[in-house]
Amino acid sequence: MKLDVGLGVGGDHLTGIEETARAAEALGFAGLWTSETKHDSFLPLAIAAAKTERMTLGNSVAIAFSRSPMATAQLAWDLQSLSGGRFVLGLGTQVRAHVERRFSMPFDRPAARLADYIRALRAIWHSFHSEDKLDYRGEFYQHTLMTPFFDPGPIDHPEVPVYIAGVNTRLATLAGELCDGFHVHPFHSPEYVEQVVKPSISRGAEREDRDPGSVELATSVFVVAGRSEEETRGQREAVRSQLAFYASTPTYRTVLEVHGWEEVGDRLSGLAREKRWAEMPKLVTDEMLGAFAVEAAPDEVGPALRERYEGLLDRVALYLPFVPGERDEFWRAAAESVHG
């Protein structure tokens, strides 16, 4: 199991990425991931690629349907070349409202559309790396023109790994059918991964005669690791609030069903509709907190992660902001203990 770190993408985020990427690699992290909320997720990775040598670099995640497959293929190709083969393209579907109303793009049948999108990417990359004619004709995407003027040509590491993200079974199944990895949502428990995610990936892999073990599982983990009782209490309540938000979302009800907590999800959804935000964390019990988060002393976080996820997941990152110069000993100890 590898321990990764997530890059912050808030505020004037680009100015500090060189220092953050270098520090993350020096502390021993295996990978560095960027999300796509307020800012683009590809540009920070270009900066990080030029300033690091060994870490895996990837999106967790880029929104697929906001871009043409050709635009994404070009970005991924350049990052794979710049990083010397260390790039992982992570894709997510987002939800209908954001795709249609924020990006003004189509969202019909997202799982089928994403499958077509990935096949289109691989056809484009094959065209870049070979002299074969680009002639992809899928259900949603068609790419039939590539001239020398627009062709970036071959690179040393043409096999770009593709991960996708999801919560429910259809996208996990698609990962088994077609992808190199699957981003498990931070709102998860080991039981959910074991009972829902892994069987879905296995079903998809079997359909395409693939080895389900070839699909890497990655996630970020809620962690409570305060240096004092007061700090621990504050972190615990912050995580409780975040869990209440996720549990109120009907899309994530599958996670609650594993534990028989659907009624809590329904009550949280009702409070969210009424915008009674302050009341929501009170419904997240200590038992739920223990199911969805790791709580340990700062120097025991690494062993706690290994005990919880070794043999279950391939990569984990902490759902905590990584800032160089802040708690470096904590981060170093976690990385060293996870990596053994």
Protein backbone atom coordinates (compact mmCIF):
# COMPACT_ATOMS: atom_id res chain seq x y z
CA MET A 1 0.00 0.00 0.00
CA LYS A 2 1.31 3.45 -0.95
CA LEU A 3 0.72 6.72 0.86
CA ASP A 4 -0.02 9.72 -1.35
CA VAL A 5 -0.83 13.36 -0.73
CA GLY A 6 -3.32 15.77 -2.26
CA LEU A 7 -2.31 19.20 -3.55
CA GLY A 8 -4.35 22.10 -2.26
CA VAL A 9 -6.07 24.02 -5.05
CA GLY A 10 -7.55 26.97 -3.19
CA GLY A 11 -6.69 30.65 -3.33
CA ASP A 12 -3.49 31.61 -5.17
CA HIS A 13 -2.68 27.93 -5.41
CA LEU A 14 -0.20 27.90 -8.29
CA THR A 15 2.46 30.02 -6.57
CA GLY A 16 3.21 27.38 -3.91
CA ILE A 17 3.08 24.22 -5.97
CA GLU A 18 6.83 23.98 -6.65
CA GLU A 19 7.62 24.02 -2.93
CA THR A 20 4.75 21.69 -2.05
CA ALA A 21 5.66 19.12 -4.69
CA ARG A 22 9.33 19.10 -3.73
CA ALA A 23 8.48 18.79 -0.03
CA ALA A 24 6.04 15.94 -0.64
CA GLU A 25 8.64 13.99 -2.57
CA ALA A 26 11.33 14.67 0.05
CA LEU A 27 9.04 13.39 2.80
CA GLY A 28 8.59 10.12 0.98
CA PHE A 29 5.10 10.29 -0.48
CA ALA A 30 4.50 7.92 -3.37
CA GLY A 31 2.06 10.10 -5.30
CA LEU A 32 0.58 13.55 -5.59
CA TRP A 33 -2.99 14.23 -6.71
CA THR A 34 -4.91 17.35 -7.74
CA SER A 35 -8.66 17.87 -7.58
CA GLU A 36 -10.82 20.03 -9.83
CA THR A 37 -13.13 22.38 -7.96
CA LYS A 38 -12.26 26.07 -8.15
CA HIS A 39 -9.33 25.53 -10.52
CA ASP A 40 -8.12 23.32 -13.34
CA SER A 41 -6.43 20.09 -12.21
CA PHE A 42 -3.92 19.71 -15.05
CA LEU A 43 -1.87 22.92 -14.78
CA PRO A 44 -0.62 22.23 -11.21
CA LEU A 45 0.58 18.81 -12.33
CA ALA A 46 2.64 20.37 -15.11
CA ILE A 47 4.45 22.49 -12.52
CA ALA A 48 4.88 19.51 -10.20
CA ALA A 49 6.14 17.27 -13.02
CA ALA A 50 8.99 19.65 -13.77
CA LYS A 51 10.04 19.81 -10.10
CA THR A 52 9.86 16.14 -9.06
CA GLU A 53 11.53 12.94 -10.18
CA ARG A 54 9.81 9.85 -8.82
CA MET A 55 6.29 10.58 -7.53
CA THR A 56 3.21 9.47 -9.39
CA LEU A 57 1.21 12.54 -10.49
CA GLY A 58 -2.49 12.42 -11.20
CA ASN A 59 -5.92 14.04 -11.22
CA SER A 60 -8.32 13.07 -8.49
CA VAL A 61 -10.26 13.91 -10.53
CA ALA A 62 -10.61 15.90 -13.76
CA ILE A 63 -14.18 16.35 -14.99
CA ALA A 64 -14.43 14.32 -18.18
CA PHE A 65 -17.55 15.75 -19.76
CA SER A 66 -16.42 19.37 -19.50
CA ARG A 67 -13.81 18.65 -22.20
CA SER A 68 -13.66 16.95 -25.56
CA PRO A 69 -11.73 13.66 -25.51
CA MET A 70 -9.25 15.28 -27.90
CA ALA A 71 -8.53 18.14 -25.48
CA THR A 72 -8.05 15.71 -22.60
CA ALA A 73 -5.90 13.40 -24.74
CA GLN A 74 -3.54 16.25 -25.59
CA LEU A 75 -3.23 17.38 -21.97
CA ALA A 76 -2.57 13.84 -20.75
CA TRP A 77 -0.05 13.14 -23.54
CA ASP A 78 1.97 16.24 -22.70
CA LEU A 79 1.92 15.51 -18.95
CA GLN A 80 2.97 11.91 -19.54
CA SER A 81 5.89 13.14 -21.62
CA LEU A 82 6.87 15.92 -19.20
CA SER A 83 6.76 13.60 -16.18
CA GLY A 84 8.69 10.78 -17.83
CA GLY A 85 5.76 8.37 -17.60
CA ARG A 86 4.58 9.21 -14.07
CA PHE A 87 1.17 10.65 -14.97
CA VAL A 88 -2.19 9.05 -14.17
CA LEU A 89 -5.31 10.47 -15.79
CA GLY A 90 -8.14 10.42 -13.25
CA LEU A 91 -11.61 11.11 -14.62
CA GLY A 92 -14.96 11.77 -12.96
CA THR A 93 -18.43 12.31 -14.35
CA GLN A 94 -19.62 15.03 -11.92
CA VAL A 95 -23.43 15.30 -11.66
CA ARG A 96 -26.03 16.37 -14.20
CA ALA A 97 -26.66 19.87 -12.81
CA HIS A 98 -23.00 20.88 -12.98
CA VAL A 99 -22.30 19.32 -16.37
CA GLU A 100 -25.41 20.77 -18.01
CA ARG A 101 -25.73 24.09 -16.20
CA ARG A 102 -22.15 24.98 -15.17
CA PHE A 103 -20.29 23.56 -18.18
CA SER A 104 -23.17 23.64 -20.71
CA MET A 105 -22.32 20.13 -21.89
CA PRO A 106 -24.40 16.95 -22.38
CA PHE A 107 -24.84 14.43 -19.56
CA ASP A 108 -27.08 11.65 -20.90
CA ARG A 109 -26.24 8.07 -19.80
CA PRO A 110 -23.03 9.05 -17.95
CA ALA A 111 -21.58 5.56 -17.47
CA ALA A 112 -21.99 4.64 -21.14
CA ARG A 113 -20.70 8.07 -22.17
CA LEU A 114 -17.64 7.72 -19.94
CA ALA A 115 -16.86 4.29 -21.40
CA ASP A 116 -17.00 5.77 -24.90
CA TYR A 117 -14.87 8.71 -23.74
CA ILE A 118 -12.11 6.37 -22.48
CA ARG A 119 -12.14 4.32 -25.67
CA ALA A 120 -11.88 7.56 -27.66
CA LEU A 121 -8.88 8.66 -25.58
CA ARG A 122 -7.07 5.42 -26.25
CA ALA A 123 -7.78 5.61 -29.96
CA ILE A 124 -6.39 9.14 -30.06
CA TRP A 125 -3.27 8.17 -28.11
CA HIS A 126 -2.73 5.22 -30.44
CA SER A 127 -2.93 7.62 -33.37
CA PHE A 128 -0.42 9.97 -31.72
CA HIS A 129 2.06 7.16 -31.16
CA SER A 130 1.70 5.35 -34.46
CA GLU A 131 1.19 6.19 -38.09
CA ASP A 132 -2.26 4.63 -38.05
CA LYS A 133 -5.21 6.72 -39.24
CA LEU A 134 -7.42 8.14 -36.50
CA ASP A 135 -10.82 6.59 -37.11
CA TYR A 136 -12.78 6.32 -33.88
CA ARG A 137 -16.56 6.06 -34.26
CA GLY A 138 -18.28 5.58 -30.92
CA GLU A 139 -21.81 6.05 -29.68
CA PHE A 140 -21.15 9.53 -28.27
CA TYR A 141 -17.78 10.58 -29.71
CA GLN A 142 -16.32 10.42 -33.20
CA HIS A 143 -12.72 11.34 -33.99
CA THR A 144 -11.78 10.84 -37.63
CA LEU A 145 -9.30 13.59 -38.45
CA MET A 146 -5.65 13.91 -37.43
CA THR A 147 -3.16 15.68 -39.67
CA PRO A 148 0.63 15.96 -39.14
CA PHE A 149 0.32 19.62 -38.20
CA PHE A 150 -1.78 18.72 -35.12
CA ASP A 151 -0.21 15.36 -34.25
CA PRO A 152 2.23 15.61 -31.28
CA GLY A 153 3.87 12.35 -32.27
CA PRO A 154 5.20 9.44 -30.18
CA ILE A 155 6.53 9.67 -26.63
CA ASP A 156 8.66 7.34 -24.50
CA HIS A 157 5.78 6.18 -22.27
CA PRO A 158 2.66 6.02 -24.45
CA GLU A 159 0.53 3.90 -22.09
CA VAL A 160 -1.32 6.51 -20.01
CA PRO A 161 -3.10 4.87 -17.04
CA VAL A 162 -6.75 5.85 -16.67
CA TYR A 163 -8.53 5.85 -13.32
CA ILE A 164 -12.16 6.75 -12.83
CA ALA A 165 -14.03 7.75 -9.68
CA GLY A 166 -17.44 6.73 -8.41
CA VAL A 167 -19.62 5.66 -5.51
CA ASN A 168 -22.24 3.29 -6.89
CA THR A 169 -21.75 -0.02 -8.61
CA ARG A 170 -22.02 0.95 -12.28
CA LEU A 171 -18.83 3.00 -12.40
CA ALA A 172 -16.94 0.46 -10.29
CA THR A 173 -18.02 -2.18 -12.80
CA LEU A 174 -16.84 0.05 -15.65
CA ALA A 175 -13.46 0.37 -13.94
CA GLY A 176 -13.20 -3.42 -13.94
CA GLU A 177 -14.12 -3.56 -17.61
CA LEU A 178 -11.92 -0.81 -18.97
CA CYS A 179 -9.69 1.07 -16.51
CA ASP A 180 -6.36 0.86 -14.75
CA GLY A 181 -7.66 2.15 -11.44
CA PHE A 182 -10.64 3.30 -9.41
CA HIS A 183 -10.82 6.24 -7.01
CA VAL A 184 -12.95 5.20 -4.05
CA HIS A 185 -14.82 8.20 -2.67
CA PRO A 186 -13.51 9.56 0.67
CA PHE A 187 -16.95 8.78 2.11
CA HIS A 188 -16.38 5.05 2.47
CA SER A 189 -15.74 2.30 4.98
CA PRO A 190 -13.65 -0.85 4.62
CA GLU A 191 -16.90 -2.85 4.64
CA TYR A 192 -18.26 -0.82 1.73
CA VAL A 193 -15.04 -1.37 -0.25
CA GLU A 194 -15.13 -5.10 0.49
CA GLN A 195 -18.85 -5.66 -0.11
CA VAL A 196 -19.64 -3.18 -2.90
CA VAL A 197 -16.59 -1.84 -4.72
CA LYS A 198 -14.43 -4.94 -5.10
CA PRO A 199 -17.24 -7.29 -6.23
CA SER A 200 -18.37 -4.71 -8.79
CA ILE A 201 -14.86 -4.37 -10.18
CA SER A 202 -14.55 -8.15 -10.32
CA ARG A 203 -17.84 -8.43 -12.29
CA GLY A 204 -16.64 -5.88 -14.81
CA ALA A 205 -13.24 -7.52 -15.15
CA GLU A 206 -14.79 -10.94 -15.72
CA ARG A 207 -16.92 -9.58 -18.57
CA GLU A 208 -13.78 -8.50 -20.42
CA ASP A 209 -11.60 -11.44 -19.31
CA ARG A 210 -9.39 -9.14 -17.25
CA ASP A 211 -7.67 -9.71 -13.93
CA PRO A 212 -9.54 -7.64 -11.29
CA GLY A 213 -6.26 -7.35 -9.41
CA SER A 214 -4.88 -5.23 -12.24
CA VAL A 215 -7.29 -2.42 -11.27
CA GLU A 216 -5.63 -0.32 -8.58
CA LEU A 217 -7.84 1.05 -5.80
CA ALA A 218 -7.03 4.51 -4.43
CA THR A 219 -8.77 6.76 -1.94
CA SER A 220 -8.35 9.59 0.53
CA VAL A 221 -9.09 8.93 4.18
CA PHE A 222 -10.65 11.05 6.90
CA VAL A 223 -8.17 11.20 9.77
CA VAL A 224 -8.44 12.48 13.34
CA ALA A 225 -4.91 12.87 14.72
CA GLY A 226 -4.75 15.80 17.10
CA ARG A 227 -1.71 16.65 19.19
CA SER A 228 -3.89 17.52 22.18
CA GLU A 229 -7.35 16.60 23.41
CA GLU A 230 -8.63 20.00 22.32
CA GLU A 231 -7.17 19.63 18.83
CA THR A 232 -8.47 16.07 18.58
CA ARG A 233 -11.95 17.19 19.58
CA GLY A 234 -11.90 19.95 16.96
CA GLN A 235 -10.76 17.56 14.23
CA ARG A 236 -13.37 15.02 15.26
CA GLU A 237 -16.17 17.56 14.92
CA ALA A 238 -14.84 18.83 11.59
CA VAL A 239 -14.87 15.28 10.22
CA ARG A 240 -18.34 14.71 11.67
CA SER A 241 -19.61 17.76 9.77
CA GLN A 242 -18.05 16.60 6.51
CA LEU A 243 -19.51 13.11 6.94
CA ALA A 244 -22.95 14.62 7.61
CA PHE A 245 -22.75 16.52 4.33
CA TYR A 246 -21.80 13.46 2.30
CA ALA A 247 -24.32 11.21 4.06
CA SER A 248 -27.11 13.68 3.24
CA THR A 249 -26.52 13.19 -0.49
CA PRO A 250 -28.82 10.50 -1.95
CA THR A 251 -26.14 9.45 -4.43
CA TYR A 252 -24.02 8.18 -1.53
CA ARG A 253 -26.77 6.18 0.13
CA THR A 254 -25.11 2.95 -1.03
CA VAL A 255 -22.36 3.50 1.53
CA LEU A 256 -24.86 3.84 4.38
CA GLU A 257 -26.82 0.78 3.26
CA VAL A 258 -23.84 -1.46 3.98
CA HIS A 259 -24.17 -0.54 7.65
CA GLY A 260 -27.97 -0.30 7.87
CA TRP A 261 -27.90 3.47 8.34
CA GLU A 262 -30.28 4.45 5.54
CA GLU A 263 -32.68 6.11 8.00
CA VAL A 264 -29.92 8.44 9.17
CA GLY A 265 -29.25 9.37 5.54
CA ASP A 266 -32.92 10.15 4.98
CA ARG A 267 -33.02 12.37 8.07
CA LEU A 268 -29.85 14.17 6.99
CA SER A 269 -31.28 14.74 3.51
CA GLY A 270 -34.36 16.30 5.08
CA LEU A 271 -32.28 18.63 7.22
CA ALA A 272 -30.19 19.61 4.21
CA ARG A 273 -33.28 20.46 2.19
CA GLU A 274 -34.39 22.72 5.04
CA LYS A 275 -30.85 24.17 5.30
CA ARG A 276 -30.60 23.20 8.95
CA TRP A 277 -26.87 22.67 8.61
CA ALA A 278 -25.97 23.06 12.29
CA GLU A 279 -28.20 20.15 13.29
CA MET A 280 -26.78 17.67 10.81
CA PRO A 281 -23.49 16.67 12.53
CA LYS A 282 -25.42 15.64 15.64
CA LEU A 283 -26.86 12.69 13.69
CA VAL A 284 -23.38 11.30 12.94
CA THR A 285 -22.72 9.00 15.88
CA ASP A 286 -19.33 7.96 17.24
CA GLU A 287 -19.97 4.53 15.69
CA MET A 288 -20.39 6.15 12.26
CA LEU A 289 -17.30 8.27 12.84
CA GLY A 290 -15.31 5.13 13.58
CA ALA A 291 -16.60 3.43 10.43
CA PHE A 292 -15.68 6.27 8.09
CA ALA A 293 -12.56 7.80 9.68
CA VAL A 294 -9.26 6.76 11.20
CA GLU A 295 -8.54 8.13 14.67
CA ALA A 296 -5.05 7.69 16.09
CA ALA A 297 -2.24 9.54 17.80
CA PRO A 298 -0.08 11.43 15.28
CA ASP A 299 2.74 8.87 15.49
CA GLU A 300 0.29 5.98 15.09
CA VAL A 301 -1.50 7.15 11.94
CA GLY A 302 0.70 5.09 9.62
CA PRO A 303 0.20 1.79 11.49
CA ALA A 304 -3.54 2.53 11.79
CA LEU A 305 -3.79 3.03 8.03
CA ARG A 306 -1.90 -0.18 7.36
CA GLU A 307 -4.11 -2.14 9.73
CA ARG A 308 -7.25 -0.77 8.11
CA TYR A 309 -6.32 -0.87 4.43
CA GLU A 310 -3.38 -3.22 3.80
CA GLY A 311 -4.57 -5.80 1.28
CA LEU A 312 -7.75 -3.83 0.64
CA LEU A 313 -6.51 -0.69 -1.14
CA ASP A 314 -3.40 0.04 -3.19
CA ARG A 315 -3.04 3.77 -2.51
CA VAL A 316 -4.30 6.04 0.26
CA ALA A 317 -4.00 9.75 0.90
CA LEU A 318 -5.03 11.66 3.99
CA TYR A 319 -8.06 13.94 3.78
CA LEU A 320 -5.91 16.64 5.38
CA PRO A 321 -4.25 19.69 3.84
CA PHE A 322 -0.53 19.17 3.23
CA VAL A 323 1.40 22.39 3.81
CA PRO A 324 5.23 22.31 3.75
CA GLY A 325 6.70 23.37 7.06
CA GLU A 326 3.58 22.47 9.03
CA ARG A 327 3.66 19.17 10.95
CA ASP A 328 6.51 17.81 8.81
CA GLU A 329 7.39 15.22 11.45
CA PHE A 330 3.82 13.96 11.44
CA TRP A 331 3.82 13.59 7.64
CA ARG A 332 7.27 11.97 7.57
CA ALA A 333 6.33 9.45 10.26
CA ALA A 334 3.12 8.58 8.44
CA ALA A 335 4.88 8.07 5.12
CA GLU A 336 7.69 5.98 6.63
CA SER A 337 5.37 3.76 8.66
CA VAL A 338 3.03 3.11 5.73
CA HIS A 339 5.89 2.30 3.39
CA GLY A 340 7.59 0.14 5.97
